[in-house]
């Protein structure tokens, strides 16, 4: 068989443009040329391969765009699932807080009572309030939920958001670590461990976002 080198060169040039435009890692191969019909027999010098080349390139570009769009949708769904997990765990921690604070107050009152000394009720209440405030994590929860909302907003954007999502993953982990360091409750500590795992999964996934 006789092949048109000029036709093959035009196909190669077009395929290389696709690789460059979509920042693909692979270069065109012989299999790619066969797939798009570049290796045609030069049966007639008057045959014009341009329409076939243009059509093949448009199909290649359309297929690449469709594949990347599908991959992007799948990645966004994965990340949204992780964010939902973090949000759910955050809500469980917040739901547990009133009981944790009540138990902390009771322990403080019992400890003060065990001292068998007279304590001014107002002073005692102030001391208890200070201890409760020291272990309060409402601010961390609010900031964490804010980061989650921001991440969801970025996922809906068509702009490049990979760097900001990566930054948010670091901020989320910082809030979770602070929350864990303040907690003295076993149930909350269990949630914190799960939250760390979820945030790390989020950080890993956003590395694939442009």
Protein backbone atom coordinates (compact mmCIF):
# COMPACT_ATOMS: atom_id res chain seq x y z
CA UNK A 1 0.00 0.00 0.00
CA UNK A 2 1.11 3.56 -0.69
CA UNK A 3 0.39 6.15 1.96
CA UNK A 4 0.33 9.90 1.65
CA UNK A 5 3.09 11.26 3.86
CA UNK A 6 1.64 14.72 3.49
CA UNK A 7 -1.69 13.50 4.81
CA UNK A 8 -0.03 11.71 7.72
CA UNK A 9 1.94 14.85 8.59
CA UNK A 10 -1.25 16.92 8.62
CA UNK A 11 -2.92 14.43 10.94
CA UNK A 12 0.10 14.41 13.23
CA UNK A 13 0.13 18.19 13.37
CA UNK A 14 -3.55 18.25 14.24
CA UNK A 15 -3.20 15.57 16.91
CA UNK A 16 -0.26 17.41 18.45
CA UNK A 17 -2.42 20.53 18.63
CA UNK A 18 -5.03 18.53 20.55
CA UNK A 19 -2.34 17.28 22.96
CA UNK A 20 -1.03 20.81 23.51
CA UNK A 21 -4.44 22.43 23.86
CA UNK A 22 -5.64 19.97 26.47
CA UNK A 23 -2.24 19.53 28.18
CA UNK A 24 -2.28 15.78 27.64
CA UNK A 25 0.71 13.71 28.70
CA UNK A 26 0.82 11.34 25.71
CA UNK A 27 2.02 12.09 22.20
CA UNK A 28 0.24 10.80 19.05
CA UNK A 29 1.07 7.19 18.20
CA UNK A 30 0.65 4.96 15.16
CA UNK A 31 -2.52 3.59 16.77
CA UNK A 32 -3.91 7.12 17.00
CA UNK A 33 -3.22 7.71 13.31
CA UNK A 34 -4.99 4.50 12.39
CA UNK A 35 -7.92 5.41 14.67
CA UNK A 36 -8.52 8.74 12.94
CA UNK A 37 -7.93 7.31 9.46
CA UNK A 38 -4.65 9.03 8.67
CA UNK A 39 -3.12 5.99 6.95
CA UNK A 40 -5.07 6.14 3.75
CA UNK A 41 -3.89 4.76 0.45
CA UNK A 42 -2.93 7.49 -1.97
CA UNK A 43 -5.12 6.13 -4.77
CA UNK A 44 -5.80 9.47 -6.35
CA UNK A 45 -3.61 12.53 -6.27
CA UNK A 46 -6.71 14.65 -6.68
CA UNK A 47 -8.26 13.39 -3.43
CA UNK A 48 -8.49 16.20 -0.91
CA UNK A 49 -7.95 14.84 2.62
CA UNK A 50 -8.67 18.19 4.26
CA UNK A 51 -12.37 17.59 5.00
CA UNK A 52 -11.58 14.17 6.51
CA UNK A 53 -8.76 15.63 8.57
CA UNK A 54 -10.89 18.50 9.85
CA UNK A 55 -13.72 16.14 10.72
CA UNK A 56 -11.40 13.74 12.53
CA UNK A 57 -9.79 16.55 14.49
CA UNK A 58 -13.14 18.01 15.48
CA UNK A 59 -14.24 14.57 16.64
CA UNK A 60 -11.02 14.15 18.62
CA UNK A 61 -11.43 17.56 20.26
CA UNK A 62 -15.10 16.89 21.03
CA UNK A 63 -14.28 13.48 22.50
CA UNK A 64 -11.51 14.96 24.65
CA UNK A 65 -13.77 17.71 25.93
CA UNK A 66 -16.55 15.24 26.68
CA UNK A 67 -14.15 12.95 28.54
CA UNK A 68 -12.77 15.82 30.60
CA UNK A 69 -16.26 17.12 31.37
CA UNK A 70 -17.35 13.67 32.54
CA UNK A 71 -14.22 13.32 34.63
CA UNK A 72 -14.84 16.76 36.13
CA UNK A 73 -18.43 15.89 37.02
CA UNK A 74 -17.31 12.66 38.68
CA UNK A 75 -14.61 14.48 40.65
CA UNK A 76 -17.04 17.20 41.75
CA UNK A 77 -19.47 14.53 42.95
CA UNK A 78 -16.70 12.81 44.91
CA UNK A 79 -15.69 16.08 46.57
CA UNK A 80 -19.29 17.01 47.35
CA UNK A 81 -19.74 13.65 49.04
CA UNK A 82 -16.73 14.32 51.23
CA UNK A 83 -17.97 17.83 52.09
CA UNK A 84 -21.34 16.37 53.06
CA UNK A 85 -19.55 13.92 55.34
CA UNK A 86 -17.57 16.71 57.03
CA UNK A 87 -20.71 18.83 57.37
CA UNK A 88 -22.63 15.93 58.93
CA UNK A 89 -19.86 15.26 61.46
CA UNK A 90 -19.69 18.97 62.28
CA UNK A 91 -23.43 18.99 62.96
CA UNK A 92 -23.08 15.97 65.25
CA UNK A 93 -20.37 17.74 67.25
CA UNK A 94 -22.51 20.86 67.53
CA UNK A 95 -25.50 18.79 68.65
CA UNK A 96 -23.39 17.21 71.38
CA UNK A 97 -22.06 20.51 72.78
CA UNK A 98 -24.95 21.46 75.14
CA UNK A 99 -24.71 18.09 76.91
CA UNK A 100 -20.92 18.36 77.12
CA UNK A 101 -21.20 21.82 78.68
CA UNK A 102 -23.86 20.62 81.12
CA UNK A 103 -21.66 17.70 82.20
CA UNK A 104 -18.69 20.03 82.59
CA UNK A 105 -20.70 22.36 84.83
CA UNK A 106 -21.81 19.44 87.00
CA UNK A 107 -18.23 18.19 87.40
CA UNK A 108 -17.01 21.67 88.32
CA UNK A 109 -19.78 22.13 90.88
CA UNK A 110 -19.04 18.73 92.43
CA UNK A 111 -15.33 19.50 92.57
CA UNK A 112 -15.92 22.84 94.28
CA UNK A 113 -18.38 21.24 96.71
CA UNK A 114 -15.79 18.60 97.61
CA UNK A 115 -13.47 21.31 98.89
CA UNK A 116 -15.83 21.83 101.85
CA UNK A 117 -15.27 25.58 101.87
CA UNK A 118 -17.66 28.44 101.45
CA UNK A 119 -17.58 29.86 97.96
CA UNK A 120 -19.42 32.93 96.79
CA UNK A 121 -22.10 31.68 94.34
CA UNK A 122 -21.41 34.50 91.89
CA UNK A 123 -17.69 33.80 92.01
CA UNK A 124 -18.30 30.09 91.54
CA UNK A 125 -20.52 30.71 88.53
CA UNK A 126 -17.90 32.99 87.00
CA UNK A 127 -15.18 30.36 87.42
CA UNK A 128 -17.39 27.67 85.91
CA UNK A 129 -18.26 29.94 82.99
CA UNK A 130 -14.56 30.56 82.32
CA UNK A 131 -13.83 26.84 82.21
CA UNK A 132 -16.81 26.16 79.94
CA UNK A 133 -15.70 28.97 77.62
CA UNK A 134 -12.17 27.58 77.48
CA UNK A 135 -13.47 24.32 76.03
CA UNK A 136 -16.16 25.86 73.83
CA UNK A 137 -15.72 25.06 70.12
CA UNK A 138 -18.61 27.02 68.60
CA UNK A 139 -16.22 29.36 66.77
CA UNK A 140 -14.30 26.46 65.26
CA UNK A 141 -17.56 24.86 64.14
CA UNK A 142 -18.76 28.11 62.56
CA UNK A 143 -15.50 28.63 60.68
CA UNK A 144 -15.42 25.01 59.55
CA UNK A 145 -18.94 25.24 58.17
CA UNK A 146 -17.98 28.49 56.47
CA UNK A 147 -15.07 26.73 54.75
CA UNK A 148 -17.42 23.96 53.61
CA UNK A 149 -19.85 26.48 52.13
CA UNK A 150 -17.01 28.29 50.37
CA UNK A 151 -15.71 25.03 48.91
CA UNK A 152 -19.15 24.21 47.54
CA UNK A 153 -19.35 27.64 45.97
CA UNK A 154 -15.97 27.16 44.30
CA UNK A 155 -16.98 23.77 42.92
CA UNK A 156 -19.87 25.45 41.12
CA UNK A 157 -17.52 27.99 39.52
CA UNK A 158 -16.08 27.70 36.02
CA UNK A 159 -12.90 29.51 37.06
CA UNK A 160 -9.66 27.79 38.14
CA UNK A 161 -10.22 27.03 41.84
CA UNK A 162 -7.71 24.28 42.64
CA UNK A 163 -5.35 26.45 44.68
CA UNK A 164 -8.10 27.98 46.80
CA UNK A 165 -9.64 24.56 47.44
CA UNK A 166 -6.24 23.32 48.58
CA UNK A 167 -5.95 26.33 50.90
CA UNK A 168 -9.41 25.60 52.30
CA UNK A 169 -8.38 22.01 53.01
CA UNK A 170 -5.54 23.32 55.17
CA UNK A 171 -7.87 25.72 57.00
CA UNK A 172 -10.38 22.92 57.61
CA UNK A 173 -7.70 20.69 59.08
CA UNK A 174 -6.53 23.53 61.33
CA UNK A 175 -10.05 24.03 62.71
CA UNK A 176 -10.54 20.29 63.22
CA UNK A 177 -7.22 20.02 65.06
CA UNK A 178 -8.14 22.96 67.31
CA UNK A 179 -11.53 21.41 67.96
CA UNK A 180 -9.87 18.15 68.94
CA UNK A 181 -7.38 19.83 71.26
CA UNK A 182 -10.21 21.56 73.14
CA UNK A 183 -12.47 18.54 73.45
CA UNK A 184 -12.59 16.41 76.59
CA UNK A 185 -15.54 14.34 75.39
CA UNK A 186 -15.09 10.83 74.01
CA UNK A 187 -17.98 11.11 71.55
CA UNK A 188 -16.68 14.37 70.10
CA UNK A 189 -13.15 12.97 69.95
CA UNK A 190 -14.48 10.10 67.85
CA UNK A 191 -16.12 12.57 65.48
CA UNK A 192 -12.88 14.55 65.28
CA UNK A 193 -10.97 11.47 64.11
CA UNK A 194 -13.54 10.88 61.38
CA UNK A 195 -13.42 14.56 60.43
CA UNK A 196 -9.63 14.43 60.03
CA UNK A 197 -9.93 11.43 57.73
CA UNK A 198 -12.58 13.20 55.66
CA UNK A 199 -10.59 16.44 55.42
CA UNK A 200 -7.50 14.51 54.32
CA UNK A 201 -9.61 12.80 51.65
CA UNK A 202 -10.86 16.23 50.56
CA UNK A 203 -7.30 17.53 50.33
CA UNK A 204 -6.28 14.54 48.23
CA UNK A 205 -9.16 14.97 45.79
CA UNK A 206 -8.71 18.72 45.26
CA UNK A 207 -5.19 18.09 43.99
CA UNK A 208 -6.92 16.95 40.80
CA UNK A 209 -8.82 20.23 40.40
CA UNK A 210 -7.37 22.88 38.11
